[in-house]
Every structure is written in structure tokens, then in C-alpha cells.
């Protein structure tokens, strides 16, 4: 039993090391896909159509305008997720005590050792690996090697954890990726159909191959990202994360589920002007402590729930 546990730990360690090693390779891979798509859409197909005039000009201008607008938003959101720290636990953090009830946030976790509770105080979660207390909804990431506030998952595509401080940016990245890849797939669909017909296809064999590959890749990403987007929309609606959804799968009620509107605002903020860009307003950051990842409002009748 001890041997199998040691082997599993070694395998997990090697897996986490491999994920760290991917790092810049994944970013380069994403940029290569963007570059290939840009070449197929702008330089091969619709850029030259701007000089044809008439309906072809209007169609190409509309597609290129949408394409570049969505591409800017996609890259802005992508690099916001990549370079934004998902949320670190402050070294001096301690659980907030409810002065009226004399209670701290009652959270426990099977993989963390509990700190002996004082009289009238429930257990507080403690991370053995980081050797520190854990705020509510915080989890340890084995790839990053530290605890992450409101951790959702570690994403190899962004080479970063998705947590409290960059979850909104990640959702926007999925949203704009779906729109961009759908636009490309629809725009290149006629060329793809022509590839299997007897119609004459303009272009060299290399440009035709690039167009074909760009269509297939963008269609595949559009379909796969749509699935992730639907899943995360349901998580936002319930005010939960991927990890929490797995942990509470047998729990009928969730202490942080405050209704769809408030749940949405805890991720995107209250200022509607900032909902579709990877930025929060100063006012939202000031009046909504949950955006900082350390303090979350909950239902009083479910405060004793263990998560």
C-alpha cells in the first residue's frame, strides 16, 4: 500500500513537472494557430478581395473588420489570463471572526490537516505543502506549487492557474475565442466546400492547404470551446468553481449561491461598462471585496457547510 502511494505521488510529480515544462511552448502554439488563421483569412482569401470592388469588397470589409476586432479582444483577454496572478494568499492572512457569533469560517478539507479548534471555533483549513492557513474557497495547485484563491483549475493553454483574480478574463477569452473561431469557420466554409467539388479553386497548393487546415482547426476549436463555455456559464450561475462542483456533488444546497444576478456580479462586477473587457472598475474593486478573492458573502443558514 505504501509502495503504490509512493508510485502515485511520483507519477503526479512527473505530470506536474511536465505541465510546467510546457510553459512557453503552449503560448507559442496558440500564437502559431493565430498566425496560420490570420494568413488564411487576411492574406490569402479576404485581403485580396478588397481590391475587387462591389459586393466582394463589402463582404471582405465586413469580415475583416469583425475578424480584427474579435482578434484584438481574444489576444487581450488571453494575455490578461496568462500574466495576471490568479490570487496569492497573503503571508499574514488570518480567518475573519464573526464577533457576534464568535465563529470563524468553518471550512475543512480531507487533504489538509485541521488546526485544533479553540473553544467555540470550528476548524480552519490548513495547507501542509504551503504551511499556511487557507482562506475560504482556496485550493493548492500542484503545478504552480502554491495555494490559489478561489482556484478553478490549472489551464495548460494559458500556462497559469485560473482563480479569483483572472477567472473573468478566462471566461472572456473563451467567449471571444468562440466568436472568432465561429466567424473564421463560417467565412472559410465556401472554400472548404469547393475543395471537395469540381469547381476551380484559386490559389497555389500551399495557400489552399493552409485555408483547409485553418477551417478544420477553427471549426474544431469553436465546437470544443462552446462546450467549455456552456459549462462555465452554469458554474457562474451557481457561484461555484470546477473544483467546488466536484467536491459538493452530493450537497443539495451551496452556501455561496446567492442568486444568478449576484453570482454573476461576483465574477464580472457590477459596472456593466466593464463586463466585456478584462478589466474591473476602481469602484467595483473598492465596494466588492469578493473580487479580491479573500472574502465571500454566503447564506447565513448554510455557514456551517464544510467546503
Protein backbone atom coordinates (compact mmCIF):
# COMPACT_ATOMS: atom_id res chain seq x y z
CA UNK A 1 0.00 0.00 0.00
CA UNK A 2 2.81 2.38 0.91
CA UNK A 3 4.64 1.46 -2.30
CA UNK A 4 1.60 2.16 -4.51
CA UNK A 5 1.09 5.50 -2.77
CA UNK A 6 4.71 6.43 -3.39
CA UNK A 7 4.43 5.44 -7.06
CA UNK A 8 1.27 7.54 -7.46
CA UNK A 9 2.95 10.55 -5.82
CA UNK A 10 5.94 10.14 -8.15
CA UNK A 11 3.67 9.95 -11.19
CA UNK A 12 1.79 13.09 -10.12
CA UNK A 13 5.10 14.87 -9.56
CA UNK A 14 6.31 13.93 -13.06
CA UNK A 15 2.97 15.03 -14.54
CA UNK A 16 3.14 18.42 -12.80
CA UNK A 17 6.75 18.87 -13.88
CA UNK A 18 5.74 18.12 -17.48
CA UNK A 19 2.97 20.73 -17.32
CA UNK A 20 5.43 23.34 -16.04
CA UNK A 21 7.80 22.46 -18.88
CA UNK A 22 5.06 23.11 -21.46
CA UNK A 23 5.05 26.79 -20.45
CA UNK A 24 6.12 28.99 -23.34
CA UNK A 25 5.59 26.09 -25.78
CA UNK A 26 1.82 26.34 -25.32
CA UNK A 27 1.86 30.12 -25.74
CA UNK A 28 3.90 29.69 -28.93
CA UNK A 29 1.44 27.04 -30.12
CA UNK A 30 -1.51 29.38 -29.58
CA UNK A 31 0.26 32.18 -31.45
CA UNK A 32 1.06 29.78 -34.32
CA UNK A 33 -2.63 28.91 -34.66
CA UNK A 34 -3.49 32.63 -34.62
CA UNK A 35 -0.81 33.30 -37.23
CA UNK A 36 -1.97 30.49 -39.51
CA UNK A 37 -5.58 31.68 -39.24
CA UNK A 38 -4.55 35.28 -39.94
CA UNK A 39 -2.64 34.20 -43.03
CA UNK A 40 -5.58 32.17 -44.34
CA UNK A 41 -8.25 34.81 -43.67
CA UNK A 42 -6.47 38.11 -44.29
CA UNK A 43 -3.58 37.45 -46.66
CA UNK A 44 -4.96 34.56 -48.71
CA UNK A 45 -8.72 34.99 -49.00
CA UNK A 46 -10.30 38.28 -47.94
CA UNK A 47 -7.42 40.74 -48.11
CA UNK A 48 -7.08 40.42 -51.90
CA UNK A 49 -10.90 40.64 -52.24
CA UNK A 50 -10.74 44.25 -51.04
CA UNK A 51 -9.38 45.21 -54.46
CA UNK A 52 -12.21 43.52 -56.39
CA UNK A 53 -14.85 46.14 -55.62
CA UNK A 54 -18.62 45.64 -55.50
CA UNK A 55 -20.24 43.02 -53.28
CA UNK A 56 -16.98 41.15 -52.76
CA UNK A 57 -15.41 44.31 -51.35
CA UNK A 58 -18.28 44.86 -48.90
CA UNK A 59 -18.25 41.22 -47.80
CA UNK A 60 -14.47 41.18 -47.33
CA UNK A 61 -14.51 44.52 -45.47
CA UNK A 62 -17.23 43.32 -43.09
CA UNK A 63 -15.47 40.01 -42.38
CA UNK A 64 -12.06 41.62 -41.90
CA UNK A 65 -13.48 44.28 -39.57
CA UNK A 66 -15.16 41.68 -37.37
CA UNK A 67 -12.13 39.39 -37.56
CA UNK A 68 -9.66 42.05 -36.40
CA UNK A 69 -11.97 43.35 -33.68
CA UNK A 70 -12.53 39.90 -32.21
CA UNK A 71 -8.84 39.05 -32.60
CA UNK A 72 -7.82 42.09 -30.57
CA UNK A 73 -10.26 41.16 -27.79
CA UNK A 74 -9.20 37.49 -27.90
CA UNK A 75 -5.49 38.32 -27.52
CA UNK A 76 -6.17 40.98 -24.88
CA UNK A 77 -8.14 38.50 -22.77
CA UNK A 78 -5.66 35.68 -23.43
CA UNK A 79 -2.61 37.58 -22.24
CA UNK A 80 -4.60 39.00 -19.32
CA UNK A 81 -5.16 35.43 -18.13
CA UNK A 82 -1.54 34.47 -18.81
CA UNK A 83 0.06 37.40 -16.97
CA UNK A 84 -2.48 38.03 -14.18
CA UNK A 85 -1.73 36.29 -10.90
CA UNK A 86 -4.85 34.22 -10.08
CA UNK A 87 -4.56 35.15 -6.42
CA UNK A 88 -1.99 34.51 -3.71
CA UNK A 89 -2.71 34.02 -0.03
CA UNK A 90 -1.25 36.99 1.88
CA UNK A 91 1.50 35.78 4.29
CA UNK A 92 -0.23 37.40 7.25
CA UNK A 93 -3.74 36.21 6.40
CA UNK A 94 -5.92 35.01 9.25
CA UNK A 95 -9.60 33.97 9.19
CA UNK A 96 -12.13 36.68 9.89
CA UNK A 97 -14.03 36.01 13.10
CA UNK A 98 -17.71 36.78 13.43
CA UNK A 99 -17.70 38.89 16.60
CA UNK A 100 -21.40 38.29 17.33
CA UNK A 101 -21.33 34.51 16.99
CA UNK A 102 -17.68 34.02 17.86
CA UNK A 103 -17.12 31.84 14.82
CA UNK A 104 -14.56 31.72 12.06
CA UNK A 105 -15.26 30.45 8.57
CA UNK A 106 -15.92 26.72 9.18
CA UNK A 107 -14.04 25.09 6.31
CA UNK A 108 -12.36 21.72 6.24
CA UNK A 109 -10.59 19.64 3.61
CA UNK A 110 -9.62 15.96 3.51
CA UNK A 111 -6.10 16.60 2.17
CA UNK A 112 -5.28 19.29 4.72
CA UNK A 113 -4.55 18.88 8.39
CA UNK A 114 -7.01 20.59 10.68
CA UNK A 115 -5.76 23.05 13.25
CA UNK A 116 -7.11 22.25 16.72
CA UNK A 117 -10.10 24.50 17.23
CA UNK A 118 -10.35 26.83 20.17
CA UNK A 119 -13.43 26.73 22.30
CA UNK A 120 -16.38 27.77 20.15
CA UNK A 121 -14.29 27.89 16.98
CA UNK A 122 -14.58 25.29 14.22
CA UNK A 123 -11.58 24.01 12.31
CA UNK A 124 -9.79 26.23 9.83
CA UNK A 125 -8.26 24.72 6.70
CA UNK A 126 -4.51 24.41 6.64
CA UNK A 127 -2.24 23.56 3.71
CA UNK A 128 0.60 21.22 4.64
CA UNK A 129 2.51 21.92 1.44
CA UNK A 130 2.48 25.71 1.83
CA UNK A 131 2.50 25.52 5.63
CA UNK A 132 -0.13 28.24 5.93
CA UNK A 133 -3.80 28.80 6.65
CA UNK A 134 -6.16 28.66 3.68
CA UNK A 135 -8.90 31.24 3.04
CA UNK A 136 -12.37 30.08 2.03
CA UNK A 137 -12.58 28.56 -1.48
CA UNK A 138 -8.78 28.39 -1.76
CA UNK A 139 -7.01 25.28 -3.08
CA UNK A 140 -3.43 24.17 -3.56
CA UNK A 141 -2.18 23.85 -7.15
CA UNK A 142 0.46 21.15 -7.55
CA UNK A 143 1.59 22.61 -10.88
CA UNK A 144 2.10 26.16 -9.59
CA UNK A 145 3.33 24.81 -6.24
CA UNK A 146 1.21 27.16 -4.12
CA UNK A 147 -2.30 27.87 -2.91
CA UNK A 148 -4.58 29.80 -5.27
CA UNK A 149 -7.56 31.91 -4.20
CA UNK A 150 -10.87 30.51 -5.47
CA UNK A 151 -8.99 28.14 -7.74
CA UNK A 152 -10.98 26.79 -10.67
CA UNK A 153 -8.32 24.73 -12.48
CA UNK A 154 -4.82 24.89 -13.90
CA UNK A 155 -5.06 25.59 -17.63
CA UNK A 156 -2.21 24.44 -19.88
CA UNK A 157 -3.42 26.73 -22.68
CA UNK A 158 -2.78 29.86 -20.62
CA UNK A 159 0.15 28.36 -18.66
CA UNK A 160 -1.42 29.62 -15.45
CA UNK A 161 -3.98 28.82 -12.82
CA UNK A 162 -7.47 30.19 -13.26
CA UNK A 163 -8.54 31.70 -9.97
CA UNK A 164 -10.25 34.62 -8.28
CA UNK A 165 -8.29 37.41 -9.96
CA UNK A 166 -8.32 36.15 -13.56
CA UNK A 167 -11.46 33.98 -13.83
CA UNK A 168 -13.40 36.77 -15.55
CA UNK A 169 -10.55 37.18 -18.05
CA UNK A 170 -10.59 33.44 -18.74
CA UNK A 171 -14.34 33.44 -19.40
CA UNK A 172 -13.98 36.38 -21.78
CA UNK A 173 -11.13 34.54 -23.51
CA UNK A 174 -13.46 31.57 -24.08
CA UNK A 175 -16.24 33.89 -25.26
CA UNK A 176 -14.13 35.77 -27.82
CA UNK A 177 -12.38 32.58 -28.93
CA UNK A 178 -15.75 31.01 -29.70
CA UNK A 179 -16.90 34.08 -31.66
CA UNK A 180 -13.61 34.36 -33.57
CA UNK A 181 -13.32 30.68 -34.49
CA UNK A 182 -17.00 30.55 -35.47
CA UNK A 183 -16.54 33.58 -37.73
CA UNK A 184 -13.48 32.02 -39.39
CA UNK A 185 -15.21 28.67 -39.88
CA UNK A 186 -18.24 30.34 -41.50
CA UNK A 187 -16.09 32.63 -43.65
CA UNK A 188 -13.93 29.79 -44.95
CA UNK A 189 -16.79 27.33 -45.39
CA UNK A 190 -17.29 28.11 -49.13
CA UNK A 191 -13.59 27.45 -49.81
CA UNK A 192 -13.81 24.21 -47.83
CA UNK A 193 -16.83 23.05 -49.84
CA UNK A 194 -15.08 23.99 -53.09
CA UNK A 195 -12.18 21.77 -52.10
CA UNK A 196 -14.45 18.70 -52.45
CA UNK A 197 -16.25 19.89 -55.57
CA UNK A 198 -15.30 20.13 -59.22
CA UNK A 199 -15.16 23.93 -59.06
CA UNK A 200 -11.89 25.64 -59.80
CA UNK A 201 -10.11 26.87 -56.66
CA UNK A 202 -7.97 29.97 -56.87
CA UNK A 203 -4.58 29.96 -55.20
CA UNK A 204 -1.47 27.83 -55.01
CA UNK A 205 -1.44 24.34 -53.47
CA UNK A 206 0.19 25.76 -50.31
CA UNK A 207 -2.43 28.50 -49.81
CA UNK A 208 -5.25 26.03 -50.45
CA UNK A 209 -3.75 23.65 -47.87
CA UNK A 210 -3.41 26.47 -45.31
CA UNK A 211 -7.02 27.52 -45.90
CA UNK A 212 -8.18 23.93 -45.46
CA UNK A 213 -6.18 23.50 -42.26
CA UNK A 214 -7.36 26.84 -40.84
CA UNK A 215 -11.00 25.88 -41.42
CA UNK A 216 -10.63 22.48 -39.75
CA UNK A 217 -8.75 23.89 -36.74
CA UNK A 218 -11.17 26.77 -36.19
CA UNK A 219 -14.22 24.55 -36.53
CA UNK A 220 -12.75 22.10 -34.01
CA UNK A 221 -11.92 24.88 -31.56
CA UNK A 222 -15.34 26.51 -31.97
CA UNK A 223 -17.13 23.27 -31.06
CA UNK A 224 -14.84 22.38 -28.16
CA UNK A 225 -14.76 25.90 -26.70
CA UNK A 226 -18.57 26.05 -26.90
CA UNK A 227 -18.73 23.06 -24.56
CA UNK A 228 -16.35 24.68 -22.06
CA UNK A 229 -18.22 27.98 -22.31
CA UNK A 230 -21.58 26.35 -21.54
CA UNK A 231 -20.04 24.51 -18.58
CA UNK A 232 -18.52 27.66 -17.10
CA UNK A 233 -21.71 29.66 -17.62
CA UNK A 234 -23.50 27.07 -15.47
CA UNK A 235 -20.74 27.33 -12.85
CA UNK A 236 -21.02 31.13 -12.74
CA UNK A 237 -24.80 30.88 -12.44
CA UNK A 238 -24.37 28.66 -9.36
CA UNK A 239 -21.40 30.68 -7.98
CA UNK A 240 -19.11 27.69 -7.88
CA UNK A 241 -15.85 26.54 -9.46
CA UNK A 242 -14.85 23.36 -11.26
CA UNK A 243 -13.15 22.05 -8.11
CA UNK A 244 -16.06 23.01 -5.84
CA UNK A 245 -18.58 21.45 -8.22
CA UNK A 246 -16.72 18.15 -7.87
CA UNK A 247 -16.37 18.44 -4.08
CA UNK A 248 -20.01 19.33 -3.41
CA UNK A 249 -21.61 16.98 -5.93
CA UNK A 250 -23.62 15.33 -3.12
CA UNK A 251 -24.61 18.64 -1.50
CA UNK A 252 -28.12 19.83 -2.48
CA UNK A 253 -27.56 23.47 -1.42
CA UNK A 254 -24.50 25.67 -1.80
CA UNK A 255 -23.66 28.34 0.76
CA UNK A 256 -22.29 30.81 -1.81
CA UNK A 257 -25.22 30.55 -4.24
CA UNK A 258 -26.88 33.95 -3.77
CA UNK A 259 -28.96 34.00 -6.94
CA UNK A 260 -27.90 34.28 -10.57
CA UNK A 261 -27.63 38.07 -10.63
CA UNK A 262 -25.40 38.36 -7.56
CA UNK A 263 -23.44 35.28 -8.61
CA UNK A 264 -22.72 36.88 -11.99
CA UNK A 265 -21.67 40.15 -10.35
CA UNK A 266 -19.17 38.33 -8.12
CA UNK A 267 -17.27 37.35 -11.28
CA UNK A 268 -17.89 40.25 -13.68
CA UNK A 269 -18.52 43.12 -11.26
CA UNK A 270 -21.47 45.47 -11.04
CA UNK A 271 -20.35 48.05 -13.61
CA UNK A 272 -21.85 46.97 -16.95
CA UNK A 273 -19.32 49.04 -18.91
CA UNK A 274 -16.58 46.60 -17.87
CA UNK A 275 -18.41 43.31 -18.38
CA UNK A 276 -16.90 42.55 -21.80
CA UNK A 277 -13.33 43.70 -21.23
CA UNK A 278 -10.65 42.09 -19.00
CA UNK A 279 -10.64 44.98 -16.51
CA UNK A 280 -12.53 45.88 -13.33
CA UNK A 281 -13.65 49.37 -12.43
CA UNK A 282 -11.98 51.00 -9.43
CA UNK A 283 -15.39 51.37 -7.79
CA UNK A 284 -16.15 47.65 -8.12
CA UNK A 285 -12.75 46.72 -6.66
CA UNK A 286 -13.43 49.07 -3.75
CA UNK A 287 -17.00 48.02 -2.94
CA UNK A 288 -16.77 44.28 -3.76
CA UNK A 289 -14.17 42.50 -1.56
CA UNK A 290 -15.06 39.17 -3.21
CA UNK A 291 -13.25 40.35 -6.35
CA UNK A 292 -10.03 40.21 -4.29
CA UNK A 293 -10.62 36.52 -3.55
CA UNK A 294 -10.47 36.54 0.26
CA UNK A 295 -13.98 37.29 1.48
CA UNK A 296 -17.24 35.95 0.05
CA UNK A 297 -20.79 36.61 1.23
CA UNK A 298 -22.78 33.47 1.95
CA UNK A 299 -26.15 32.29 3.14
CA UNK A 300 -26.32 32.54 6.96
CA UNK A 301 -28.28 29.31 7.28
CA UNK A 302 -25.53 27.39 5.42
CA UNK A 303 -22.46 28.97 7.04
CA UNK A 304 -21.61 25.70 8.76
CA UNK A 305 -21.28 23.90 5.43
CA UNK A 306 -17.87 22.26 5.09
CA UNK A 307 -16.20 23.49 1.91
